[in-house]
Amino acid sequence: MRNAEKTIRKQIADANGIVYEPKKCNFKGECRGTCPACEQEVKYIEKQLNARRMLGKA
């Protein structure tokens, strides 16, 4: 599941002109996309999307 979510985040970032390179996840066990590293990536993309909305670019 982890790779699919990273792929989706990358597609969203690319479609919105956001610089994003997924990082290797070192989470032990089954990551369901809610580990600290994944959450940090989601927050980064959300922050970038919000900034673009404020500028009228999204």
C-alpha atoms as a PDB file:
ATOM      1  CA  MET A   1       0.000   0.000   0.000  1.00  0.00           C
ATOM      2  CA  ARG A   2       2.849   2.337   0.810  1.00  0.00           C
ATOM      3  CA  ASN A   3       4.051   2.563  -2.796  1.00  0.00           C
ATOM      4  CA  ALA A   4       0.575   3.239  -4.154  1.00  0.00           C
ATOM      5  CA  GLU A   5       0.104   6.129  -1.755  1.00  0.00           C
ATOM      6  CA  LYS A   6       3.501   7.603  -2.583  1.00  0.00           C
ATOM      7  CA  THR A   7       2.630   7.346  -6.274  1.00  0.00           C
ATOM      8  CA  ILE A   8      -0.664   9.152  -5.702  1.00  0.00           C
ATOM      9  CA  ARG A   9       1.043  11.893  -3.685  1.00  0.00           C
ATOM     10  CA  LYS A  10       3.622  12.292  -6.468  1.00  0.00           C
ATOM     11  CA  GLN A  11       0.874  12.568  -9.098  1.00  0.00           C
ATOM     12  CA  ILE A  12      -0.966  15.210  -7.062  1.00  0.00           C
ATOM     13  CA  ALA A  13       2.234  17.173  -6.542  1.00  0.00           C
ATOM     14  CA  ASP A  14       3.212  16.985 -10.218  1.00  0.00           C
ATOM     15  CA  ALA A  15      -0.265  18.017 -11.372  1.00  0.00           C
ATOM     16  CA  ASN A  16      -0.063  21.092  -9.149  1.00  0.00           C
ATOM     17  CA  GLY A  17       3.537  22.094  -9.828  1.00  0.00           C
ATOM     18  CA  ILE A  18       4.711  21.105  -6.347  1.00  0.00           C
ATOM     19  CA  VAL A  19       8.272  19.900  -5.896  1.00  0.00           C
ATOM     20  CA  TYR A  20       7.981  16.551  -4.133  1.00  0.00           C
ATOM     21  CA  GLU A  21      10.257  13.553  -4.017  1.00  0.00           C
ATOM     22  CA  PRO A  22       8.985  10.655  -1.910  1.00  0.00           C
ATOM     23  CA  LYS A  23      11.412   9.591   0.773  1.00  0.00           C
ATOM     24  CA  LYS A  24      12.251   6.044   1.693  1.00  0.00           C
ATOM     25  CA  CYS A  25      10.034   4.908   4.539  1.00  0.00           C
ATOM     26  CA  ASN A  26      11.839   3.222   7.411  1.00  0.00           C
ATOM     27  CA  PHE A  27       8.673   2.310   9.264  1.00  0.00           C
ATOM     28  CA  LYS A  28       8.843  -1.151  10.806  1.00  0.00           C
ATOM     29  CA  GLY A  29       5.752  -3.202  10.146  1.00  0.00           C
ATOM     30  CA  GLU A  30       2.895  -2.622   7.752  1.00  0.00           C
ATOM     31  CA  CYS A  31       2.610   1.050   6.902  1.00  0.00           C
ATOM     32  CA  ARG A  32      -0.960   2.026   6.151  1.00  0.00           C
ATOM     33  CA  GLY A  33       0.028   5.506   5.076  1.00  0.00           C
ATOM     34  CA  THR A  34      -0.315   6.929   8.566  1.00  0.00           C
ATOM     35  CA  CYS A  35       3.222   6.511   9.893  1.00  0.00           C
ATOM     36  CA  PRO A  36       5.026   9.734  10.893  1.00  0.00           C
ATOM     37  CA  ALA A  37       6.992   9.903   7.619  1.00  0.00           C
ATOM     38  CA  CYS A  38       3.874   9.488   5.466  1.00  0.00           C
ATOM     39  CA  GLU A  39       1.929  11.986   7.552  1.00  0.00           C
ATOM     40  CA  GLN A  40       4.733  14.519   7.149  1.00  0.00           C
ATOM     41  CA  GLU A  41       4.648  14.104   3.365  1.00  0.00           C
ATOM     42  CA  VAL A  42       0.860  14.538   3.301  1.00  0.00           C
ATOM     43  CA  LYS A  43       1.088  17.680   5.441  1.00  0.00           C
ATOM     44  CA  TYR A  44       3.755  19.121   3.140  1.00  0.00           C
ATOM     45  CA  ILE A  45       1.580  18.600   0.055  1.00  0.00           C
ATOM     46  CA  GLU A  46      -1.496  19.991   1.834  1.00  0.00           C
ATOM     47  CA  LYS A  47       0.465  23.071   2.899  1.00  0.00           C
ATOM     48  CA  GLN A  48       1.698  23.616  -0.647  1.00  0.00           C
ATOM     49  CA  LEU A  49      -1.817  23.173  -2.073  1.00  0.00           C
ATOM     50  CA  ASN A  50      -3.232  25.664   0.438  1.00  0.00           C
ATOM     51  CA  ALA A  51      -0.534  28.184  -0.448  1.00  0.00           C
ATOM     52  CA  ARG A  52      -1.352  27.780  -4.144  1.00  0.00           C
ATOM     53  CA  ARG A  53      -5.075  28.239  -3.457  1.00  0.00           C
ATOM     54  CA  MET A  54      -4.348  31.461  -1.602  1.00  0.00           C
ATOM     55  CA  LEU A  55      -2.398  32.677  -4.630  1.00  0.00           C
ATOM     56  CA  GLY A  56      -5.143  31.554  -7.005  1.00  0.00           C
ATOM     57  CA  LYS A  57      -2.945  28.908  -8.624  1.00  0.00           C
ATOM     58  CA  ALA A  58      -4.912  25.820  -7.607  1.00  0.00           C
END
